[in-house]
Structure formats: structure tokens, C-alpha cells
Amino acid sequence: MFSNKSILITGGTGSFGKRFVAHLIKHYTPKKLIIYSRDELKQFEMQQTFNASCMRYFIGDVRDKERLKAAMREVDYVVHAAALKQVPAAEYNPNECIKTNINGAQNVIDAAIEADVSRVIALSTDKAANPVNLYGATKLASDKLFVAANNISGAKGPRFAVVRYGNVVGSRGSVVPFFHKLLDEGVKTLPVTHKEMTRFWITLDEGVEFVVTNFQRMQGGEIFVPKIPSIRILDLVESISGNREYEEVGIRPGEKLHEVMVPEEMAHHSLEFEDHYVITPAIKFFDKTVDYHKNKLGEIGQAVAEKFEYHSGTNPHFLTVDELATLDKATI
């Protein structure tokens, strides 16, 4: 699907972008792989590893619509990964978070429509479901913008979809490298916000493969949610430190005890497939009727139960301490 095609990744110097690029270079022969980000140092560092002839590096911010338009000329597919993601930072700098996560999302949409891009997938977060913090609220707004963009683009314009998943193991900002750093510094008890906390858990490779597959599945307007395991924070502490010694420091501003990826309120819009869920659009597109029960790969989905909720605390699949330890060693 991606061979001889041009692909642009906003925020492409991040953890996801690097792994996504590595996957495409390994499995496809892209015409162009465009890294669009605002940090020249990170681009320089990335060029030392990813310097294939198909690579292009564009310095630019998603807040800059004109620069996005220039970068998207003759592009076939876009992955929108750029965002301000730190929950406490967003609480203290709300305007900056809104400028990037909401205004930037609209700029990506406008540029993609003007450039007549084929397909766009925006990366979301479990914090966008029933948000209690500004970061989650901006990502919910972004999700709504990308879903509604299918209406704006019309019958023959770009198709837009969203991928929503939980914490990415070992990514920048993840608690795992933070815990390792503390242990390396000689700390004996790890800080946890609350001993009952649970989170959804996904590896970078799983996230990349899910996005790649959804480019093939998408019809436009879907929010794709993978079926992934949950973790208990004290199990994570034990898997990394070898014991369950911890110091409870309290929940940070805007933080939840558990996360949700499919809220109960959206159950009547949600479908279950073998390895994922799809939240279908709450709005109807004027140009055509889409049957989301069967995707472009021919996979068949069924409506979820009336009060279904995909919740990290009630998820039937939790990783064990041993599984977490094995996963940790594989991602170090």
C-alpha cells in the first residue's frame, strides 16, 4: 500500500514517528517519507539513523498552515502524531496546548484537503474519552475535527480517521524510563500516584502495526481502538524493581485513577471486531452512507452491548508481573 507513495508524519521525530519510519522502510519502498516537526536538533539526530534516499525533513509547526500546505504537496498519506502531550504542562499552559492540539489539527485537515491527500490518520489517546484534563479535552476536540473532516472534504476528497490507544511502553514521557532512571540513581522506593491505578498498555511496534493496518481498513470517520491489555501500577513497580516498595505521592492535576477508551455513552455507536473496536461517527455524512460493520479489509464487526465500556480497570486482560518484566527487557 505504501510502496511508491509519499507519506508525511507530523511530529515525526517522536517515538512513534521513528518506529513508523523504520517499519515502512523495512516492509515497503516509499517514494517519499516526509518528517514534519519543529525541532531542528531532533531532525538532525534522526537523520543520522534514517538517511535513505526517500527521506525528507521539513522543519515546521502544525500551527503554521502555510508551511503544512507546502509540505503536503503531492503527498498520498498523512499520519498526524504531533501534539503537546504532558498532562500537567497542559494544565498550566492551556493556550499553548489548544494552539497545537486543536488549531494544529484543523490546519492539518485544511492542508490535506487543499493538497488532495488520499488518507489521513490522526493519533489520539485514551485521555480523550470522558476527559478530565485539558490535554484529553483538546484531543477529544481534535478527534471530532478529524471525524467531521470527512463531511467537509466531500465524496471525492481525503478520508480521515482516528486511532486511539493507551500508554506506549518505553516512549518518551512514559513512566517506565522514569522508574529506571530513579533506580539507576539509587532510589529504593518508587513514587506512584495511587496504588489502585490501572492503565492500558501497548508497545510501539503494536501501535505502528495498528496504524498501518487501519490505513487499509478505513472508510473515513472511524475511531479505531485496539484490544490491548491493562496493567496495575504496583505490578509494574514489582516488574521493574523486583519488589512492591512504593511511596504514594498523590494523583497529579488532571490525572485519572483508570482510563477509558470506549465510553459507555458511545456504546450505541461502537462495533466490536476480532482485535479492535470502532467508534462510528455520531454525525451522518451528507454525501454517502457508510456501512461500518464491514471494513475495507472485509472484516465484520458486531454492535457492542448496550452499556458496554472499555475500561482499564475492568479490562478482562491484565499483564502479569512476569509478562511486564519480559516486556520491559525487550524495550530497554
C-alpha atoms as a PDB file:
ATOM      1  CA  MET A   1       0.000   0.000   0.000  1.00  0.00           C
ATOM      2  CA  PHE A   2       2.829   2.416   0.834  1.00  0.00           C
ATOM      3  CA  SER A   3       5.234   1.415  -1.926  1.00  0.00           C
ATOM      4  CA  ASN A   4       5.854   4.209  -4.446  1.00  0.00           C
ATOM      5  CA  LYS A   5       3.717   6.539  -2.290  1.00  0.00           C
ATOM      6  CA  SER A   6       4.563   9.734  -0.427  1.00  0.00           C
ATOM      7  CA  ILE A   7       3.853   9.703   3.318  1.00  0.00           C
ATOM      8  CA  LEU A   8       4.092  12.636   5.725  1.00  0.00           C
ATOM      9  CA  ILE A   9       4.327  12.265   9.514  1.00  0.00           C
ATOM     10  CA  THR A  10       3.729  15.320  11.692  1.00  0.00           C
ATOM     11  CA  GLY A  11       5.728  15.138  14.903  1.00  0.00           C
ATOM     12  CA  GLY A  12       7.819  12.589  13.049  1.00  0.00           C
ATOM     13  CA  THR A  13      10.891  12.824  15.291  1.00  0.00           C
ATOM     14  CA  GLY A  14       8.990  11.360  18.252  1.00  0.00           C
ATOM     15  CA  SER A  15       8.984   7.747  19.430  1.00  0.00           C
ATOM     16  CA  PHE A  16       6.089   6.763  17.169  1.00  0.00           C
ATOM     17  CA  GLY A  17       7.464   8.560  14.123  1.00  0.00           C
ATOM     18  CA  LYS A  18      10.848   6.858  14.305  1.00  0.00           C
ATOM     19  CA  ARG A  19       9.340   3.393  14.686  1.00  0.00           C
ATOM     20  CA  PHE A  20       6.772   4.079  11.945  1.00  0.00           C
ATOM     21  CA  VAL A  21       9.521   5.145   9.542  1.00  0.00           C
ATOM     22  CA  ALA A  22      11.588   2.067  10.398  1.00  0.00           C
ATOM     23  CA  HIS A  23       8.562  -0.143   9.685  1.00  0.00           C
ATOM     24  CA  LEU A  24       7.818   1.464   6.318  1.00  0.00           C
ATOM     25  CA  ILE A  25      11.432   1.302   5.152  1.00  0.00           C
ATOM     26  CA  LYS A  26      11.651  -2.367   6.154  1.00  0.00           C
ATOM     27  CA  HIS A  27       8.387  -3.530   4.575  1.00  0.00           C
ATOM     28  CA  TYR A  28       7.745  -1.078   1.703  1.00  0.00           C
ATOM     29  CA  THR A  29       9.564   1.091  -0.823  1.00  0.00           C
ATOM     30  CA  PRO A  30       8.079   4.566  -0.284  1.00  0.00           C
ATOM     31  CA  LYS A  31       8.585   7.276  -2.853  1.00  0.00           C
ATOM     32  CA  LYS A  32       8.992   9.869  -0.097  1.00  0.00           C
ATOM     33  CA  LEU A  33       8.889   9.747   3.704  1.00  0.00           C
ATOM     34  CA  ILE A  34       8.472  13.289   4.992  1.00  0.00           C
ATOM     35  CA  ILE A  35       9.299  14.110   8.618  1.00  0.00           C
ATOM     36  CA  TYR A  36       7.479  17.300   9.618  1.00  0.00           C
ATOM     37  CA  SER A  37       8.469  18.695  13.025  1.00  0.00           C
ATOM     38  CA  ARG A  38       9.676  21.876  14.662  1.00  0.00           C
ATOM     39  CA  ASP A  39      12.890  20.729  16.409  1.00  0.00           C
ATOM     40  CA  GLU A  40      15.967  21.013  14.181  1.00  0.00           C
ATOM     41  CA  LEU A  41      18.197  19.127  16.643  1.00  0.00           C
ATOM     42  CA  LYS A  42      15.877  16.120  16.769  1.00  0.00           C
ATOM     43  CA  GLN A  43      15.698  16.139  12.975  1.00  0.00           C
ATOM     44  CA  PHE A  44      19.495  16.244  12.746  1.00  0.00           C
ATOM     45  CA  GLU A  45      19.777  13.339  15.192  1.00  0.00           C
ATOM     46  CA  MET A  46      17.137  11.333  13.321  1.00  0.00           C
ATOM     47  CA  GLN A  47      18.967  11.876  10.026  1.00  0.00           C
ATOM     48  CA  GLN A  48      21.969  10.018  11.438  1.00  0.00           C
ATOM     49  CA  THR A  49      19.843   6.844  11.522  1.00  0.00           C
ATOM     50  CA  PHE A  50      17.235   7.420   8.832  1.00  0.00           C
ATOM     51  CA  ASN A  51      19.055   8.741   5.770  1.00  0.00           C
ATOM     52  CA  ALA A  52      17.547   6.647   2.952  1.00  0.00           C
ATOM     53  CA  SER A  53      17.033   8.413  -0.371  1.00  0.00           C
ATOM     54  CA  CYS A  54      13.274   8.553   0.251  1.00  0.00           C
ATOM     55  CA  MET A  55      13.655  10.597   3.458  1.00  0.00           C
ATOM     56  CA  ARG A  56      12.724  14.285   3.544  1.00  0.00           C
ATOM     57  CA  TYR A  57      12.991  16.543   6.603  1.00  0.00           C
ATOM     58  CA  PHE A  58      10.729  19.594   6.875  1.00  0.00           C
ATOM     59  CA  ILE A  59      11.116  22.000   9.773  1.00  0.00           C
ATOM     60  CA  GLY A  60       7.680  23.347  10.575  1.00  0.00           C
ATOM     61  CA  ASP A  61       4.986  23.621  13.228  1.00  0.00           C
ATOM     62  CA  VAL A  62       1.432  22.331  12.838  1.00  0.00           C
ATOM     63  CA  ARG A  63       0.372  25.799  13.976  1.00  0.00           C
ATOM     64  CA  ASP A  64       1.698  27.086  10.615  1.00  0.00           C
ATOM     65  CA  LYS A  65      -0.910  26.247   7.976  1.00  0.00           C
ATOM     66  CA  GLU A  66       1.068  27.649   5.053  1.00  0.00           C
ATOM     67  CA  ARG A  67       4.102  25.532   5.895  1.00  0.00           C
ATOM     68  CA  LEU A  68       1.879  22.453   6.186  1.00  0.00           C
ATOM     69  CA  LYS A  69       0.402  23.174   2.751  1.00  0.00           C
ATOM     70  CA  ALA A  70       3.893  23.339   1.257  1.00  0.00           C
ATOM     71  CA  ALA A  71       4.937  20.084   2.961  1.00  0.00           C
ATOM     72  CA  MET A  72       1.835  18.196   1.787  1.00  0.00           C
ATOM     73  CA  ARG A  73       2.176  18.842  -1.928  1.00  0.00           C
ATOM     74  CA  GLU A  74       1.891  15.533  -3.830  1.00  0.00           C
ATOM     75  CA  VAL A  75       1.544  13.581  -0.544  1.00  0.00           C
ATOM     76  CA  ASP A  76      -0.642  10.459  -0.548  1.00  0.00           C
ATOM     77  CA  TYR A  77      -0.931   9.585   3.157  1.00  0.00           C
ATOM     78  CA  VAL A  78      -0.582  11.594   6.366  1.00  0.00           C
ATOM     79  CA  VAL A  79      -0.071  10.430   9.946  1.00  0.00           C
ATOM     80  CA  HIS A  80      -0.772  13.236  12.403  1.00  0.00           C
ATOM     81  CA  ALA A  81       1.310  12.461  15.505  1.00  0.00           C
ATOM     82  CA  ALA A  82       2.279  15.989  16.588  1.00  0.00           C
ATOM     83  CA  ALA A  83       0.799  17.086  19.909  1.00  0.00           C
ATOM     84  CA  LEU A  84       1.542  18.602  23.292  1.00  0.00           C
ATOM     85  CA  LYS A  85       1.027  15.546  25.496  1.00  0.00           C
ATOM     86  CA  GLN A  86       2.174  16.239  29.058  1.00  0.00           C
ATOM     87  CA  VAL A  87      -0.909  16.436  31.283  1.00  0.00           C
ATOM     88  CA  PRO A  88       0.462  18.784  33.999  1.00  0.00           C
ATOM     89  CA  ALA A  89       2.107  21.056  31.402  1.00  0.00           C
ATOM     90  CA  ALA A  90      -1.199  21.363  29.570  1.00  0.00           C
ATOM     91  CA  GLU A  91      -2.980  22.304  32.809  1.00  0.00           C
ATOM     92  CA  TYR A  92      -0.514  25.140  33.412  1.00  0.00           C
ATOM     93  CA  ASN A  93      -0.190  26.222  29.751  1.00  0.00           C
ATOM     94  CA  PRO A  94      -3.706  25.756  28.362  1.00  0.00           C
ATOM     95  CA  ASN A  95      -3.463  28.225  25.481  1.00  0.00           C
ATOM     96  CA  GLU A  96      -0.333  26.576  24.109  1.00  0.00           C
ATOM     97  CA  CYS A  97      -1.976  23.131  24.261  1.00  0.00           C
ATOM     98  CA  ILE A  98      -5.054  24.433  22.432  1.00  0.00           C
ATOM     99  CA  LYS A  99      -2.948  26.099  19.716  1.00  0.00           C
ATOM    100  CA  THR A 100      -1.134  22.868  18.902  1.00  0.00           C
ATOM    101  CA  ASN A 101      -3.701  20.150  19.590  1.00  0.00           C
ATOM    102  CA  ILE A 102      -6.853  21.848  18.263  1.00  0.00           C
ATOM    103  CA  ASN A 103      -5.780  24.638  15.921  1.00  0.00           C
ATOM    104  CA  GLY A 104      -2.944  22.461  14.643  1.00  0.00           C
ATOM    105  CA  ALA A 105      -5.379  19.621  13.938  1.00  0.00           C
ATOM    106  CA  GLN A 106      -7.576  21.931  11.869  1.00  0.00           C
ATOM    107  CA  ASN A 107      -4.514  23.134   9.965  1.00  0.00           C
ATOM    108  CA  VAL A 108      -3.589  19.531   9.119  1.00  0.00           C
ATOM    109  CA  ILE A 109      -7.138  18.929   7.878  1.00  0.00           C
ATOM    110  CA  ASP A 110      -7.222  22.093   5.764  1.00  0.00           C
ATOM    111  CA  ALA A 111      -3.805  21.391   4.247  1.00  0.00           C
ATOM    112  CA  ALA A 112      -4.725  17.770   3.470  1.00  0.00           C
ATOM    113  CA  ILE A 113      -7.940  18.803   1.707  1.00  0.00           C
ATOM    114  CA  GLU A 114      -6.166  21.502  -0.318  1.00  0.00           C
ATOM    115  CA  ALA A 115      -3.382  19.065  -1.308  1.00  0.00           C
ATOM    116  CA  ASP A 116      -5.941  16.350  -2.161  1.00  0.00           C
ATOM    117  CA  VAL A 117      -4.218  13.810   0.102  1.00  0.00           C
ATOM    118  CA  SER A 118      -5.734  10.327  -0.119  1.00  0.00           C
ATOM    119  CA  ARG A 119      -5.965   9.277   3.557  1.00  0.00           C
ATOM    120  CA  VAL A 120      -5.146  10.803   6.941  1.00  0.00           C
ATOM    121  CA  ILE A 121      -4.920   9.060  10.314  1.00  0.00           C
ATOM    122  CA  ALA A 122      -4.665  11.146  13.487  1.00  0.00           C
ATOM    123  CA  LEU A 123      -3.214   9.625  16.643  1.00  0.00           C
ATOM    124  CA  SER A 124      -5.364  10.076  19.729  1.00  0.00           C
ATOM    125  CA  THR A 125      -5.233   8.926  23.349  1.00  0.00           C
ATOM    126  CA  ASP A 126      -7.362   7.173  25.939  1.00  0.00           C
ATOM    127  CA  LYS A 127      -7.429  10.520  27.763  1.00  0.00           C
ATOM    128  CA  ALA A 128      -9.756  11.846  25.023  1.00  0.00           C
ATOM    129  CA  ALA A 129     -12.554   9.569  26.289  1.00  0.00           C
ATOM    130  CA  ASN A 130     -14.557  11.329  29.014  1.00  0.00           C
ATOM    131  CA  PRO A 131     -11.678  13.783  29.538  1.00  0.00           C
ATOM    132  CA  VAL A 132     -10.949  15.306  32.938  1.00  0.00           C
ATOM    133  CA  ASN A 133      -7.824  17.214  31.896  1.00  0.00           C
ATOM    134  CA  LEU A 134      -7.113  19.818  29.236  1.00  0.00           C
ATOM    135  CA  TYR A 135      -4.864  17.517  27.222  1.00  0.00           C
ATOM    136  CA  GLY A 136      -7.673  14.957  26.948  1.00  0.00           C
ATOM    137  CA  ALA A 137     -10.205  17.687  26.140  1.00  0.00           C
ATOM    138  CA  THR A 138      -8.042  19.033  23.310  1.00  0.00           C
ATOM    139  CA  LYS A 139      -7.561  15.544  21.894  1.00  0.00           C
ATOM    140  CA  LEU A 140     -11.316  14.914  22.052  1.00  0.00           C
ATOM    141  CA  ALA A 141     -11.827  18.153  20.119  1.00  0.00           C
ATOM    142  CA  SER A 142      -9.162  17.027  17.650  1.00  0.00           C
ATOM    143  CA  ASP A 143     -10.888  13.658  17.225  1.00  0.00           C
ATOM    144  CA  LYS A 144     -14.177  15.424  16.487  1.00  0.00           C
ATOM    145  CA  LEU A 145     -12.475  17.650  13.927  1.00  0.00           C
ATOM    146  CA  PHE A 146     -10.938  14.699  12.075  1.00  0.00           C
ATOM    147  CA  VAL A 147     -14.216  12.766  12.021  1.00  0.00           C
ATOM    148  CA  ALA A 148     -16.180  15.782  10.753  1.00  0.00           C
ATOM    149  CA  ALA A 149     -13.477  16.495   8.155  1.00  0.00           C
ATOM    150  CA  ASN A 150     -14.941  13.672   6.045  1.00  0.00           C
ATOM    151  CA  ASN A 151     -18.030  15.828   5.629  1.00  0.00           C
ATOM    152  CA  ILE A 152     -16.010  18.899   4.671  1.00  0.00           C
ATOM    153  CA  SER A 153     -13.861  17.035   2.133  1.00  0.00           C
ATOM    154  CA  GLY A 154     -16.897  15.692   0.246  1.00  0.00           C
ATOM    155  CA  ALA A 155     -17.341  12.487  -1.717  1.00  0.00           C
ATOM    156  CA  LYS A 156     -14.039  12.579  -3.603  1.00  0.00           C
ATOM    157  CA  GLY A 157     -11.821  14.330  -1.065  1.00  0.00           C
ATOM    158  CA  PRO A 158      -9.427  12.868   1.505  1.00  0.00           C
ATOM    159  CA  ARG A 159     -10.691  10.325   4.007  1.00  0.00           C
ATOM    160  CA  PHE A 160      -9.893  10.943   7.685  1.00  0.00           C
ATOM    161  CA  ALA A 161      -9.814   8.506  10.622  1.00  0.00           C
ATOM    162  CA  VAL A 162      -8.510   8.405  14.197  1.00  0.00           C
ATOM    163  CA  VAL A 163      -6.509   5.795  16.100  1.00  0.00           C
ATOM    164  CA  ARG A 164      -6.910   5.845  19.896  1.00  0.00           C
ATOM    165  CA  TYR A 165      -4.770   3.790  22.262  1.00  0.00           C
ATOM    166  CA  GLY A 166      -3.284   3.847  25.763  1.00  0.00           C
ATOM    167  CA  ASN A 167       0.165   4.230  27.307  1.00  0.00           C
ATOM    168  CA  VAL A 168       3.023   3.285  24.984  1.00  0.00           C
ATOM    169  CA  VAL A 169       5.697   1.163  26.669  1.00  0.00           C
ATOM    170  CA  GLY A 170       9.041   2.946  26.829  1.00  0.00           C
ATOM    171  CA  SER A 171       8.020   6.016  24.819  1.00  0.00           C
ATOM    172  CA  ARG A 172       9.281   9.472  25.760  1.00  0.00           C
ATOM    173  CA  GLY A 173       7.353  10.631  28.819  1.00  0.00           C
ATOM    174  CA  SER A 174       6.420   7.072  29.814  1.00  0.00           C
ATOM    175  CA  VAL A 175       6.699   6.119  33.478  1.00  0.00           C
ATOM    176  CA  VAL A 176       8.924   3.123  32.629  1.00  0.00           C
ATOM    177  CA  PRO A 177      12.106   5.042  31.683  1.00  0.00           C
ATOM    178  CA  PHE A 178      11.398   7.383  34.603  1.00  0.00           C
ATOM    179  CA  PHE A 179      11.338   4.438  37.022  1.00  0.00           C
ATOM    180  CA  HIS A 180      14.566   3.062  35.549  1.00  0.00           C
ATOM    181  CA  LYS A 181      16.241   6.445  35.904  1.00  0.00           C
ATOM    182  CA  LEU A 182      15.298   6.622  39.597  1.00  0.00           C
ATOM    183  CA  LEU A 183      16.581   3.105  40.263  1.00  0.00           C
ATOM    184  CA  ASP A 184      19.860   3.917  38.483  1.00  0.00           C
ATOM    185  CA  GLU A 185      20.189   6.904  40.819  1.00  0.00           C
ATOM    186  CA  GLY A 186      19.861   4.595  43.849  1.00  0.00           C
ATOM    187  CA  VAL A 187      16.244   5.234  44.817  1.00  0.00           C
ATOM    188  CA  LYS A 188      14.826   2.317  46.856  1.00  0.00           C
ATOM    189  CA  THR A 189      11.097   3.106  46.759  1.00  0.00           C
ATOM    190  CA  LEU A 190       9.404   4.211  43.540  1.00  0.00           C
ATOM    191  CA  PRO A 191       6.801   7.005  43.572  1.00  0.00           C
ATOM    192  CA  VAL A 192       3.279   6.079  42.465  1.00  0.00           C
ATOM    193  CA  THR A 193       0.345   8.441  42.284  1.00  0.00           C
ATOM    194  CA  HIS A 194      -2.167   5.887  43.617  1.00  0.00           C
ATOM    195  CA  LYS A 195      -1.766   2.206  44.430  1.00  0.00           C
ATOM    196  CA  GLU A 196      -5.043   1.269  42.694  1.00  0.00           C
ATOM    197  CA  MET A 197      -4.151   2.914  39.386  1.00  0.00           C
ATOM    198  CA  THR A 198      -4.544   0.956  36.126  1.00  0.00           C
ATOM    199  CA  ARG A 199      -3.591   1.799  32.574  1.00  0.00           C
ATOM    200  CA  PHE A 200      -3.946   0.367  29.063  1.00  0.00           C
ATOM    201  CA  TRP A 201      -0.562  -0.874  27.781  1.00  0.00           C
ATOM    202  CA  ILE A 202       0.697  -1.119  24.195  1.00  0.00           C
ATOM    203  CA  THR A 203       4.147  -1.462  22.629  1.00  0.00           C
ATOM    204  CA  LEU A 204       5.440   0.912  19.973  1.00  0.00           C
ATOM    205  CA  ASP A 205       5.523  -1.890  17.411  1.00  0.00           C
ATOM    206  CA  GLU A 206       1.903  -2.801  18.153  1.00  0.00           C
ATOM    207  CA  GLY A 207       0.897   0.844  17.812  1.00  0.00           C
ATOM    208  CA  VAL A 208       2.681   1.196  14.482  1.00  0.00           C
ATOM    209  CA  GLU A 209       1.215  -2.017  13.067  1.00  0.00           C
ATOM    210  CA  PHE A 210      -2.267  -0.952  14.186  1.00  0.00           C
ATOM    211  CA  VAL A 211      -1.937   2.363  12.351  1.00  0.00           C
ATOM    212  CA  VAL A 212      -0.577   0.695   9.212  1.00  0.00           C
ATOM    213  CA  THR A 213      -3.438  -1.824   9.147  1.00  0.00           C
ATOM    214  CA  ASN A 214      -6.046   0.885   9.729  1.00  0.00           C
ATOM    215  CA  PHE A 215      -4.896   2.748   6.631  1.00  0.00           C
ATOM    216  CA  GLN A 216      -6.094  -0.361   4.801  1.00  0.00           C
ATOM    217  CA  ARG A 217      -9.285  -0.779   6.878  1.00  0.00           C
ATOM    218  CA  MET A 218     -10.541   2.791   6.968  1.00  0.00           C
ATOM    219  CA  GLN A 219     -13.534   4.159   5.110  1.00  0.00           C
ATOM    220  CA  GLY A 220     -13.432   7.550   6.811  1.00  0.00           C
ATOM    221  CA  GLY A 221     -14.895   8.757  10.101  1.00  0.00           C
ATOM    222  CA  GLU A 222     -13.849   5.835  12.313  1.00  0.00           C
ATOM    223  CA  ILE A 223     -12.133   5.997  15.695  1.00  0.00           C
ATOM    224  CA  PHE A 224     -10.145   2.749  15.857  1.00  0.00           C
ATOM    225  CA  VAL A 225      -9.417   1.291  19.310  1.00  0.00           C
ATOM    226  CA  PRO A 226      -7.165  -1.779  19.675  1.00  0.00           C
ATOM    227  CA  LYS A 227      -7.873  -4.604  22.101  1.00  0.00           C
ATOM    228  CA  ILE A 228      -4.848  -4.370  24.381  1.00  0.00           C
ATOM    229  CA  PRO A 229      -4.038  -5.451  27.946  1.00  0.00           C
ATOM    230  CA  SER A 230      -4.161  -3.366  31.109  1.00  0.00           C
ATOM    231  CA  ILE A 231      -1.562  -3.097  33.859  1.00  0.00           C
ATOM    232  CA  ARG A 232      -1.757  -2.436  37.599  1.00  0.00           C
ATOM    233  CA  ILE A 233       0.744   0.179  38.729  1.00  0.00           C
ATOM    234  CA  LEU A 234       2.062  -1.934  41.638  1.00  0.00           C
ATOM    235  CA  ASP A 235       2.615  -4.881  39.279  1.00  0.00           C
ATOM    236  CA  LEU A 236       4.656  -2.528  37.107  1.00  0.00           C
ATOM    237  CA  VAL A 237       6.679  -1.394  40.135  1.00  0.00           C
ATOM    238  CA  GLU A 238       7.450  -5.011  41.060  1.00  0.00           C
ATOM    239  CA  SER A 239       8.355  -5.978  37.496  1.00  0.00           C
ATOM    240  CA  ILE A 240      10.936  -3.160  37.300  1.00  0.00           C
ATOM    241  CA  SER A 241      12.348  -3.014  40.859  1.00  0.00           C
ATOM    242  CA  GLY A 242      11.890  -6.622  41.980  1.00  0.00           C
ATOM    243  CA  ASN A 243       9.668  -5.597  44.903  1.00  0.00           C
ATOM    244  CA  ARG A 244       6.466  -3.688  45.583  1.00  0.00           C
ATOM    245  CA  GLU A 245       8.010  -0.953  47.726  1.00  0.00           C
ATOM    246  CA  TYR A 246       6.484   2.375  46.774  1.00  0.00           C
ATOM    247  CA  GLU A 247       5.719   5.857  48.007  1.00  0.00           C
ATOM    248  CA  GLU A 248       2.231   7.146  47.264  1.00  0.00           C
ATOM    249  CA  VAL A 249       2.590  10.754  46.095  1.00  0.00           C
ATOM    250  CA  GLY A 250      -0.980  11.548  45.076  1.00  0.00           C
ATOM    251  CA  ILE A 251      -2.729  11.934  41.744  1.00  0.00           C
ATOM    252  CA  ARG A 252      -1.334  14.774  39.622  1.00  0.00           C
ATOM    253  CA  PRO A 253      -3.520  17.625  38.331  1.00  0.00           C
ATOM    254  CA  GLY A 254      -5.820  16.281  35.633  1.00  0.00           C
ATOM    255  CA  GLU A 255      -4.910  12.621  36.179  1.00  0.00           C
ATOM    256  CA  LYS A 256      -7.397   9.727  36.345  1.00  0.00           C
ATOM    257  CA  LEU A 257      -7.298   6.608  38.509  1.00  0.00           C
ATOM    258  CA  HIS A 258      -8.341   4.491  35.499  1.00  0.00           C
ATOM    259  CA  GLU A 259      -8.611   5.201  31.779  1.00  0.00           C
ATOM    260  CA  VAL A 260     -11.423   4.551  29.291  1.00  0.00           C
ATOM    261  CA  MET A 261     -11.083   4.095  25.531  1.00  0.00           C
ATOM    262  CA  VAL A 262     -14.726   3.416  24.622  1.00  0.00           C
ATOM    263  CA  PRO A 263     -17.068   5.304  26.974  1.00  0.00           C
ATOM    264  CA  GLU A 264     -20.415   3.775  27.887  1.00  0.00           C
ATOM    265  CA  GLU A 265     -22.083   6.840  26.373  1.00  0.00           C
ATOM    266  CA  MET A 266     -20.669   5.841  22.956  1.00  0.00           C
ATOM    267  CA  ALA A 267     -21.685   2.160  23.167  1.00  0.00           C
ATOM    268  CA  HIS A 268     -24.573   2.698  20.735  1.00  0.00           C
ATOM    269  CA  HIS A 269     -22.033   3.977  18.176  1.00  0.00           C
ATOM    270  CA  SER A 270     -19.476   1.214  18.752  1.00  0.00           C
ATOM    271  CA  LEU A 271     -18.663  -2.030  16.957  1.00  0.00           C
ATOM    272  CA  GLU A 272     -16.521  -4.952  18.073  1.00  0.00           C
ATOM    273  CA  PHE A 273     -14.146  -6.684  15.648  1.00  0.00           C
ATOM    274  CA  GLU A 274     -11.810  -9.591  16.375  1.00  0.00           C
ATOM    275  CA  ASP A 275      -8.863  -7.490  17.556  1.00  0.00           C
ATOM    276  CA  HIS A 276     -10.271  -3.977  17.839  1.00  0.00           C
ATOM    277  CA  TYR A 277     -13.281  -1.737  18.378  1.00  0.00           C
ATOM    278  CA  VAL A 278     -14.586   1.014  16.125  1.00  0.00           C
ATOM    279  CA  ILE A 279     -16.457   4.078  17.348  1.00  0.00           C
ATOM    280  CA  THR A 280     -18.527   5.157  14.365  1.00  0.00           C
ATOM    281  CA  PRO A 281     -19.409   8.807  13.659  1.00  0.00           C
ATOM    282  CA  ALA A 282     -22.242  10.372  15.628  1.00  0.00           C
ATOM    283  CA  ILE A 283     -22.980  12.549  12.594  1.00  0.00           C
ATOM    284  CA  LYS A 284     -24.212  11.401   9.205  1.00  0.00           C
ATOM    285  CA  PHE A 285     -22.169  12.386   6.183  1.00  0.00           C
ATOM    286  CA  PHE A 286     -24.263  14.128   3.560  1.00  0.00           C
ATOM    287  CA  ASP A 287     -22.506  12.661   0.517  1.00  0.00           C
ATOM    288  CA  LYS A 288     -22.914   8.942   1.195  1.00  0.00           C
ATOM    289  CA  THR A 289     -23.976   6.280   3.668  1.00  0.00           C
ATOM    290  CA  VAL A 290     -21.154   4.144   5.059  1.00  0.00           C
ATOM    291  CA  ASP A 291     -21.713   0.661   6.472  1.00  0.00           C
ATOM    292  CA  TYR A 292     -19.053   0.440   9.173  1.00  0.00           C
ATOM    293  CA  HIS A 293     -19.972  -3.167  10.035  1.00  0.00           C
ATOM    294  CA  LYS A 294     -17.709  -4.288   7.173  1.00  0.00           C
ATOM    295  CA  ASN A 295     -14.388  -2.538   6.670  1.00  0.00           C
ATOM    296  CA  LYS A 296     -12.166  -2.268   3.585  1.00  0.00           C
ATOM    297  CA  LEU A 297     -10.357  -5.494   4.553  1.00  0.00           C
ATOM    298  CA  GLY A 298     -13.662  -7.371   4.629  1.00  0.00           C
ATOM    299  CA  GLU A 299     -13.622  -7.797   8.416  1.00  0.00           C
ATOM    300  CA  ILE A 300     -17.073  -7.974  10.011  1.00  0.00           C
ATOM    301  CA  GLY A 301     -17.977  -6.166  13.232  1.00  0.00           C
ATOM    302  CA  GLN A 302     -20.883  -6.556  15.620  1.00  0.00           C
ATOM    303  CA  ALA A 303     -22.611  -3.990  17.805  1.00  0.00           C
ATOM    304  CA  VAL A 304     -21.396  -3.997  21.420  1.00  0.00           C
ATOM    305  CA  ALA A 305     -23.745  -4.473  24.375  1.00  0.00           C
ATOM    306  CA  GLU A 306     -25.970  -1.539  25.340  1.00  0.00           C
ATOM    307  CA  LYS A 307     -23.901  -0.449  28.372  1.00  0.00           C
ATOM    308  CA  PHE A 308     -20.521  -1.615  27.133  1.00  0.00           C
ATOM    309  CA  GLU A 309     -17.458   0.323  28.315  1.00  0.00           C
ATOM    310  CA  TYR A 310     -13.814  -0.383  27.509  1.00  0.00           C
ATOM    311  CA  HIS A 311     -12.207   0.486  30.860  1.00  0.00           C
ATOM    312  CA  SER A 312      -8.634  -0.159  32.038  1.00  0.00           C
ATOM    313  CA  GLY A 313      -9.841  -1.300  35.472  1.00  0.00           C
ATOM    314  CA  THR A 314     -12.397  -3.825  34.187  1.00  0.00           C
ATOM    315  CA  ASN A 315     -10.462  -4.989  31.133  1.00  0.00           C
ATOM    316  CA  PRO A 316     -10.508  -8.836  31.094  1.00  0.00           C
ATOM    317  CA  HIS A 317      -6.819  -8.928  30.093  1.00  0.00           C
ATOM    318  CA  PHE A 318      -4.188  -7.785  32.609  1.00  0.00           C
ATOM    319  CA  LEU A 319      -0.463  -8.360  32.155  1.00  0.00           C
ATOM    320  CA  THR A 320       1.218 -10.350  34.938  1.00  0.00           C
ATOM    321  CA  VAL A 321       4.358  -9.203  36.746  1.00  0.00           C
ATOM    322  CA  ASP A 322       6.419 -11.716  34.746  1.00  0.00           C
ATOM    323  CA  GLU A 323       4.901 -10.548  31.449  1.00  0.00           C
ATOM    324  CA  LEU A 324       5.649  -6.954  32.353  1.00  0.00           C
ATOM    325  CA  ALA A 325       9.247  -7.821  33.238  1.00  0.00           C
ATOM    326  CA  THR A 326       9.719  -9.629  29.927  1.00  0.00           C
ATOM    327  CA  LEU A 327       8.223  -6.702  28.033  1.00  0.00           C
ATOM    328  CA  ASP A 328      10.430  -4.275  29.920  1.00  0.00           C
ATOM    329  CA  LYS A 329      13.609  -6.178  28.998  1.00  0.00           C
ATOM    330  CA  ALA A 330      12.532  -6.261  25.352  1.00  0.00           C
ATOM    331  CA  THR A 331      12.061  -2.487  25.187  1.00  0.00           C
ATOM    332  CA  ILE A 332      15.151  -1.305  27.107  1.00  0.00           C
END
